[in-house]
Protein backbone atom coordinates (compact mmCIF):
# COMPACT_ATOMS: atom_id res chain seq x y z
CA MET A 1 -25.31 -8.67 51.37
CA LYS A 2 -26.48 -5.11 50.97
CA LEU A 3 -27.93 -3.97 47.66
CA ARG A 4 -25.23 -1.32 47.27
CA THR A 5 -22.51 -3.96 47.66
CA LYS A 6 -24.19 -6.24 45.12
CA ILE A 7 -24.41 -3.38 42.62
CA LEU A 8 -20.73 -2.54 43.19
CA ILE A 9 -19.67 -6.16 42.66
CA CYS A 10 -21.76 -6.42 39.48
CA ALA A 11 -20.30 -3.16 38.19
CA ILE A 12 -16.75 -4.32 38.84
CA GLY A 13 -17.48 -7.68 37.23
CA TRP A 14 -18.96 -6.00 34.18
CA LEU A 15 -15.94 -3.69 33.91
CA VAL A 16 -13.55 -6.64 34.11
CA LEU A 17 -15.55 -8.55 31.48
CA VAL A 18 -15.66 -5.59 29.06
CA SER A 19 -11.96 -4.86 29.58
CA GLY A 20 -11.10 -8.50 29.01
CA LEU A 21 -13.14 -8.66 25.82
CA HIS A 22 -11.53 -5.43 24.60
CA ALA A 23 -8.06 -6.80 25.27
CA TYR A 24 -8.92 -10.08 23.55
CA LEU A 25 -10.52 -8.52 20.47
CA ASN A 26 -8.59 -5.29 19.92
CA VAL A 27 -5.06 -5.73 21.27
CA ASN A 28 -2.50 -7.19 18.87
CA TRP A 29 -0.92 -9.58 21.34
CA ALA A 30 1.49 -10.94 18.75
CA ALA A 31 2.96 -7.45 18.39
CA VAL A 32 3.03 -6.86 22.15
CA LEU A 33 4.77 -10.15 22.90
CA ASN A 34 7.14 -9.67 19.96
CA ASP A 35 8.81 -6.74 21.77
CA TYR A 36 9.91 -9.12 24.54
CA ARG A 37 11.61 -11.59 22.23
CA PRO A 38 15.39 -11.53 21.74
CA ILE A 39 16.23 -9.20 18.84
CA ALA A 40 17.45 -12.08 16.68
CA GLN A 41 14.08 -13.83 17.03
CA ARG A 42 11.71 -10.89 16.64
CA LYS A 43 9.27 -10.67 13.76
CA ILE A 44 9.69 -7.51 11.75
CA THR A 45 6.79 -5.09 11.53
CA VAL A 46 5.70 -4.14 8.01
CA ALA A 47 3.57 -1.05 7.42
CA TYR A 48 0.87 -0.95 4.76
CA LEU A 49 -2.13 1.08 3.58
CA PRO A 50 -5.51 -0.39 2.52
CA VAL A 51 -4.72 -0.12 -1.20
CA THR A 52 -4.19 -2.76 -3.88
CA CYS A 53 -0.55 -1.84 -4.53
CA GLN A 54 0.14 -3.10 -1.01
CA LEU A 55 -2.13 -6.15 -1.18
CA THR A 56 0.75 -8.63 -1.15
CA CYS A 57 1.44 -7.65 2.47
CA PRO A 58 -1.84 -8.98 3.95
CA VAL A 59 -1.95 -11.84 1.41
CA THR A 60 1.48 -13.01 2.57
CA ASP A 61 0.47 -12.68 6.21
CA TYR A 62 -2.76 -14.62 5.70
CA ILE A 63 -1.33 -17.47 3.61
CA SER A 64 1.93 -17.86 5.55
CA LYS A 65 -0.02 -18.51 8.76
CA TYR A 66 -1.04 -21.82 7.20
CA SER A 67 2.53 -22.69 6.24
CA GLU A 68 4.95 -24.85 8.20
CA ASN A 69 6.95 -21.87 9.46
CA GLY A 70 3.92 -19.72 10.31
CA GLU A 71 3.59 -15.96 9.88
CA LEU A 72 6.56 -14.24 8.28
CA PHE A 73 6.12 -10.77 9.77
CA LEU A 74 3.72 -8.54 11.69
CA PRO A 75 1.62 -6.33 9.39
CA ARG A 76 0.48 -2.94 10.66
CA MET A 77 -2.08 -0.87 8.80
CA PHE A 78 -1.88 2.90 8.47
CA GLN A 79 -4.33 5.35 6.89
CA GLY A 80 -1.84 7.76 5.32
CA PHE A 81 1.76 8.09 4.18
CA PRO A 82 2.86 10.82 6.64
CA GLU A 83 2.22 8.60 9.68
CA MET A 84 3.82 5.62 7.96
CA LYS A 85 6.92 7.65 7.09
CA GLU A 86 7.40 8.78 10.69
CA ALA A 87 6.99 5.20 11.98
CA LEU A 88 9.65 4.02 9.55
CA ILE A 89 12.09 6.78 10.49
CA SER A 90 11.60 6.13 14.22
CA ASN A 91 12.03 2.35 13.78
CA LYS A 92 8.51 1.60 14.99
CA VAL A 93 8.23 -0.36 11.76
CA GLN A 94 11.22 -1.95 10.03
CA ALA A 95 9.74 -2.21 6.54
CA ALA A 96 6.98 -0.39 4.71
CA PHE A 97 5.13 -0.15 1.43
CA ILE A 98 5.46 3.49 0.41
CA VAL A 99 5.39 5.41 -2.87
CA ALA A 100 8.60 5.44 -4.90
CA PRO A 101 9.23 9.22 -4.88
CA MET A 102 8.90 9.26 -1.09
CA ALA A 103 11.52 6.51 -0.79
CA ILE A 104 13.95 8.42 -3.02
CA GLU A 105 13.39 11.66 -1.10
CA LEU A 106 13.89 9.94 2.27
CA VAL A 107 17.23 8.57 1.09
CA ALA A 108 18.16 12.05 -0.17
CA GLN A 109 17.43 13.31 3.36
CA GLY A 110 19.75 10.69 4.84
CA VAL A 111 17.16 8.21 6.08
CA PRO A 112 18.83 4.75 5.97
CA ILE A 113 16.40 2.67 3.89
CA LYS A 114 16.60 0.67 0.66
CA VAL A 115 14.03 -0.31 -1.95
CA VAL A 116 13.94 -4.11 -2.20
CA TYR A 117 10.76 -4.86 -4.20
CA LEU A 118 7.69 -3.36 -5.87
CA GLY A 119 4.06 -3.50 -4.76
CA HIS A 120 2.39 -3.95 -8.15
CA ARG A 121 2.12 -2.34 -11.56
CA TYR A 122 -0.67 -0.13 -12.90
CA GLY A 123 -3.68 0.29 -10.61
CA SER A 124 -3.73 4.09 -10.31
CA ALA A 125 -6.18 6.41 -12.05
CA VAL A 126 -7.48 9.95 -12.18
CA VAL A 127 -11.18 10.00 -11.30
CA VAL A 128 -13.71 12.80 -11.83
CA ARG A 129 -17.43 13.15 -11.07
CA LYS A 130 -19.46 10.94 -13.37
CA ASN A 131 -21.83 13.60 -14.66
CA GLY A 132 -19.47 16.54 -14.23
CA PRO A 133 -18.01 18.85 -16.87
CA ILE A 134 -14.50 17.35 -16.93
CA LYS A 135 -14.11 15.27 -20.08
CA THR A 136 -10.42 15.72 -20.92
CA VAL A 137 -7.18 16.39 -19.07
CA ALA A 138 -7.30 19.99 -20.29
CA ASP A 139 -10.63 20.41 -18.46
CA LEU A 140 -8.74 19.97 -15.16
CA ARG A 141 -7.27 23.46 -15.58
CA GLY A 142 -8.15 25.52 -12.50
CA LYS A 143 -9.60 22.49 -10.68
CA THR A 144 -8.70 20.92 -7.34
CA VAL A 145 -7.27 17.40 -7.53
CA ALA A 146 -6.44 15.24 -4.50
CA ILE A 147 -3.21 13.22 -4.39
CA PRO A 148 -1.95 10.88 -1.64
CA SER A 149 1.29 12.82 -1.16
CA ARG A 150 3.43 15.38 -2.95
CA PHE A 151 5.98 12.55 -2.98
CA SER A 152 3.79 10.13 -4.93
CA ASP A 153 3.67 8.65 -8.40
CA GLU A 154 0.02 9.72 -8.55
CA ARG A 155 1.23 13.33 -8.49
CA LEU A 156 3.83 12.66 -11.17
CA ILE A 157 1.33 10.98 -13.47
CA LEU A 158 -0.73 14.16 -13.39
CA PHE A 159 2.29 16.16 -14.55
CA ARG A 160 2.92 13.71 -17.38
CA ALA A 161 -0.69 14.02 -18.55
CA MET A 162 -0.63 17.81 -18.17
CA LYS A 163 2.54 18.09 -20.24
CA VAL A 164 0.96 16.12 -23.10
CA SER A 165 -2.07 18.43 -22.94
CA GLY A 166 0.06 21.59 -23.06
CA MET A 167 -0.64 22.57 -19.45
CA LYS A 168 1.75 24.15 -16.95
CA PRO A 169 2.44 22.78 -13.42
CA GLY A 170 0.43 25.52 -11.73
CA ASP A 171 -2.68 24.96 -13.85
CA ILE A 172 -4.05 22.42 -11.36
CA LYS A 173 -4.38 22.85 -7.60
CA MET A 174 -3.15 19.65 -5.95
CA VAL A 175 -4.08 18.87 -2.35
CA GLU A 176 -2.77 16.01 -0.22
CA MET A 177 -5.42 13.69 1.16
CA ALA A 178 -5.41 10.28 2.86
CA PRO A 179 -6.49 7.65 0.29
CA PRO A 180 -9.57 6.45 2.26
CA ASP A 181 -10.96 10.00 2.26
CA VAL A 182 -10.90 10.84 -1.44
CA SER A 183 -14.06 9.11 -2.64
CA GLY A 184 -16.19 10.83 -0.02
CA ALA A 185 -14.58 14.17 -0.83
CA LEU A 186 -15.35 13.73 -4.53
CA ALA A 187 -18.97 12.80 -3.82
CA ALA A 188 -19.38 15.83 -1.55
CA GLY A 189 -17.89 18.18 -4.13
CA ALA A 190 -14.94 19.12 -1.89
CA ILE A 191 -12.58 18.21 -4.75
CA ASP A 192 -13.03 18.06 -8.51
CA ALA A 193 -10.96 14.92 -9.07
CA PHE A 194 -8.44 12.64 -7.44
CA SER A 195 -5.34 10.79 -8.58
CA MET A 196 -5.15 7.68 -6.46
CA GLY A 197 -4.39 3.98 -6.38
CA GLU A 198 -7.00 1.24 -6.27
CA PRO A 199 -9.45 0.42 -4.79
CA PHE A 200 -10.54 4.05 -4.48
CA PRO A 201 -11.15 4.62 -8.20
CA SER A 202 -13.26 1.46 -8.12
CA GLN A 203 -15.09 2.73 -5.03
CA ALA A 204 -16.16 5.89 -6.86
CA GLU A 205 -17.18 3.85 -9.91
CA MET A 206 -19.21 1.33 -7.92
CA ALA A 207 -21.02 4.06 -5.99
CA GLY A 208 -22.08 5.66 -9.26
CA TYR A 209 -20.65 9.15 -8.74
CA GLY A 210 -17.14 8.64 -10.14
CA ARG A 211 -15.74 8.08 -13.63
CA VAL A 212 -12.16 7.22 -14.58
CA LEU A 213 -10.78 10.07 -16.69
CA PHE A 214 -7.65 8.09 -17.49
CA GLN A 215 -5.61 5.18 -16.18
CA ALA A 216 -1.96 5.73 -15.23
CA ARG A 217 -0.87 3.28 -17.92
CA ASP A 218 -2.34 5.64 -20.57
CA TYR A 219 0.53 8.06 -19.91
CA TRP A 220 3.09 5.84 -18.19
CA PRO A 221 3.86 2.38 -19.66
CA ASP A 222 4.78 -0.18 -16.96
CA TYR A 223 3.61 2.29 -14.32
CA MET A 224 4.59 1.43 -10.75
CA SER A 225 3.27 3.01 -7.59
CA CYS A 226 4.08 1.54 -4.18
CA ILE A 227 7.37 -0.13 -3.42
CA LEU A 228 8.71 -2.10 -0.46
CA VAL A 229 11.47 -0.44 1.55
CA VAL A 230 13.47 -1.91 4.43
CA ARG A 231 15.62 -0.18 7.01
CA GLN A 232 19.35 -0.49 6.36
CA ASP A 233 20.09 -1.72 9.88
CA LEU A 234 17.79 -4.69 9.31
CA ILE A 235 19.50 -5.44 5.99
CA ASP A 236 22.92 -5.31 7.68
CA GLN A 237 22.01 -7.31 10.77
CA ARG A 238 19.42 -9.81 9.48
CA PRO A 239 19.64 -10.14 5.69
CA GLU A 240 18.07 -13.61 5.83
CA VAL A 241 14.92 -12.09 7.35
CA VAL A 242 14.73 -9.52 4.55
CA GLN A 243 15.11 -12.30 2.00
CA THR A 244 12.30 -14.28 3.62
CA LEU A 245 10.10 -11.19 3.51
CA VAL A 246 10.80 -10.52 -0.17
CA ASP A 247 10.35 -14.21 -1.02
CA GLY A 248 6.94 -14.19 0.65
CA ILE A 249 5.84 -11.00 -1.12
CA ALA A 250 7.07 -12.35 -4.47
CA ARG A 251 5.21 -15.64 -3.99
CA SER A 252 2.03 -13.76 -3.08
CA GLY A 253 2.29 -11.72 -6.27
CA LEU A 254 2.63 -14.86 -8.37
CA TRP A 255 -0.30 -16.46 -6.51
CA LEU A 256 -2.51 -13.40 -7.16
CA ASP A 257 -1.63 -13.51 -10.85
CA LYS A 258 -2.64 -17.17 -11.20
CA GLY A 259 -6.24 -16.27 -11.97
CA LYS A 260 -9.62 -14.97 -10.93
CA PRO A 261 -10.31 -17.55 -8.16
CA GLN A 262 -7.19 -16.41 -6.30
CA ARG A 263 -8.13 -12.75 -6.64
CA ASP A 264 -11.70 -13.39 -5.55
CA ASP A 265 -10.43 -15.21 -2.47
CA ALA A 266 -7.91 -12.46 -1.68
CA ALA A 267 -10.66 -9.84 -2.00
CA ASP A 268 -12.67 -11.78 0.57
CA PHE A 269 -10.09 -12.35 3.30
CA VAL A 270 -8.18 -9.08 2.82
CA GLY A 271 -11.36 -7.03 2.75
CA ARG A 272 -12.78 -8.64 5.89
CA PHE A 273 -9.69 -9.22 8.03
CA TYR A 274 -7.21 -6.53 6.99
CA TYR A 275 -8.57 -3.56 5.04
CA HIS A 276 -12.04 -3.54 6.66
CA GLN A 277 -13.51 -2.88 3.23
CA LYS A 278 -16.32 -4.65 1.45
CA PRO A 279 -14.89 -7.66 -0.44
CA ALA A 280 -17.02 -6.61 -3.43
CA LEU A 281 -14.97 -3.43 -3.71
CA LEU A 282 -11.64 -5.24 -3.80
CA ARG A 283 -13.09 -7.83 -6.16
CA TRP A 284 -14.04 -5.04 -8.57
CA ALA A 285 -10.57 -3.48 -8.37
CA LEU A 286 -8.80 -6.82 -8.84
CA THR A 287 -10.89 -8.30 -11.63
CA LYS A 288 -12.55 -5.55 -13.74
CA PRO A 289 -10.53 -6.18 -15.83
CA MET A 290 -7.95 -8.68 -14.61
CA ASP A 291 -5.04 -6.57 -15.83
CA ARG A 292 -6.26 -3.49 -13.98
CA VAL A 293 -3.45 -4.38 -11.57
CA THR A 294 -0.64 -6.90 -12.00
CA TYR A 295 1.59 -8.44 -9.36
CA SER A 296 4.49 -9.83 -11.40
CA PRO A 297 7.25 -9.21 -12.35
CA LEU A 298 8.08 -6.84 -9.52
CA ALA A 299 11.87 -6.64 -9.34
CA PRO A 300 13.07 -3.01 -9.16
CA ARG A 301 14.32 -1.81 -12.57
CA LYS A 302 16.77 1.02 -13.03
CA ALA A 303 14.89 2.55 -15.98
CA ASP A 304 11.67 2.83 -13.94
CA PHE A 305 13.36 4.55 -11.02
CA ASP A 306 15.46 6.82 -13.22
CA MET A 307 12.20 8.05 -14.76
CA VAL A 308 10.72 8.73 -11.32
CA ARG A 309 13.88 10.49 -10.13
CA ASP A 310 14.03 12.69 -13.23
CA LEU A 311 10.34 13.61 -12.91
CA MET A 312 10.91 14.51 -9.27
CA MET A 313 13.72 16.84 -10.23
CA GLU A 314 11.69 18.32 -13.07
CA THR A 315 8.76 19.06 -10.76
CA GLY A 316 10.90 20.49 -7.97
CA ILE A 317 10.62 17.90 -5.19
CA LEU A 318 14.15 16.46 -5.48
CA LYS A 319 17.20 18.69 -5.32
CA LYS A 320 20.03 16.29 -6.04
CA LYS A 321 20.42 13.49 -8.53
CA LEU A 322 20.70 10.12 -6.84
CA ASP A 323 21.97 6.98 -8.53
CA PHE A 324 19.82 3.83 -8.58
CA SER A 325 22.32 1.98 -6.36
CA GLN A 326 22.03 4.62 -3.62
CA TYR A 327 18.43 3.74 -2.76
CA THR A 328 17.95 0.15 -3.96
CA ASP A 329 19.30 -3.24 -3.01
CA THR A 330 18.47 -5.73 -5.75
CA ARG A 331 20.10 -8.77 -4.13
CA PHE A 332 16.82 -9.81 -2.55
CA SER A 333 14.68 -9.47 -5.67
CA ASP A 334 17.35 -11.29 -7.69
CA ASN A 335 17.13 -14.24 -5.31
CA ALA A 336 13.33 -14.02 -5.12
CA SER A 337 13.10 -14.49 -8.89
CA ILE A 338 13.57 -18.24 -8.41
CA GLN A 339 10.51 -18.49 -6.16
CA THR A 340 7.20 -19.96 -7.25
CA ALA A 341 3.67 -19.01 -6.26
CA TRP A 342 2.35 -20.11 -2.88
CA LYS A 343 0.96 -23.62 -3.03
CA TYR A 344 -2.27 -22.71 -1.32
CA GLU A 345 -5.65 -24.06 -2.31
CA ILE A 346 -8.53 -21.81 -1.35
CA GLY A 347 -10.02 -22.89 1.96
CA SER A 348 -7.57 -25.75 2.47
CA GLY A 349 -5.90 -24.30 5.56
CA VAL A 350 -2.52 -25.59 4.35
CA ALA A 351 0.17 -23.66 2.48
CA ARG A 352 3.66 -24.47 1.26
C-alpha cells in the first residue's frame, strides 16, 4: 500500500473517530430522538438559565432519572432571556423559567402561556464594586446598572429602592445584560453595579471585587423572581404532563429546603453537569446564609403578581391592566401542594 493511501486512510479514520466522539459527547440524543416520538409520548422541553431561581429544573431532571418513571422532561439551558423568550414563542420549548414581568407582558401581547409555579423566593441583589464609592442607593444616581431584562423583577426592585431614596426613574442608567456576563463587566469597570439573581452576586463576592449593596428582600418582602410558564396548547392537550412537571418542581423545592446536605449535593451535581459553574459558587449562593434563597412555598399568589403588574404599569412597561386569572393557572400548584419532598438519599442512585 502506498504511503499516500495509508495517510488518507488514517486521516479518514481519525475524522470518523473525532466525529463519533463529538456526536457521543456533545449531541443531546434524548432531545433528537424525542422529536420522532408520537406527540402524546414526547417529553416536553423546559428552558432554564444557570441561576438559582431556576435550580429546581436541573434538580428535578437529575433526581427523577433515578426514579421508577425516569426523567420527567428535557431541560435546555439558555444564556439570556431574549433567546429563551423566542424559543417559547416558536414552540421550540414548551415550558420555561422566565421572570414574572416578562410572562405578564407576553400574555399582554397575546402569547398563549400561563404561569403555573414559582422558581424560588429572594435570591436577587444589587451589587457594587467592593472598594468603590457607592455606599447607599442614592449614590447610584448617574451610574450604570446592569439588569437581566427590562421585563425583570430585578429592574423593578431598583425602582422600589429608588423611590424610597427620593430618586426619579431616569436617575440611573439601566442596561440589559445576560446574567453570566455581569460579574466580569463589574470587575472590568464597564458597569457601576448590577441587579441580578444568584449566583452572580455570590460570584462577585467570592472573587473579592463585589459587595452586596442591598438584598431584594430589603425592599420587597416575599420577593419572587423567576416563575415557571407553560404553553397553553400543552395545558389544553396534555394537562397530566403539566401536573407531573409541577409536581416534580415542587418536590425538588421541598428537597432543597430540607437542609444543608441537600443544598451542598445540589451545588455539586448542578454546577458540574448543568450550569458548568464551580460547585463552590453555587454552594456559597445556597448556604451563606441558608435563607439567602428559599424554595417553598412556591404557589403563585395573586397579591405578589398584582404588585408586579402595578409596578410594570407605573414604570411604563405594561400598557393595560391584566387580571391574575388571565396569565396564571393555579390548578397545578393547588394539586402540587399535597406533594412531599423527593425521597432521595445523596449518592444512593434511587429516588421515589
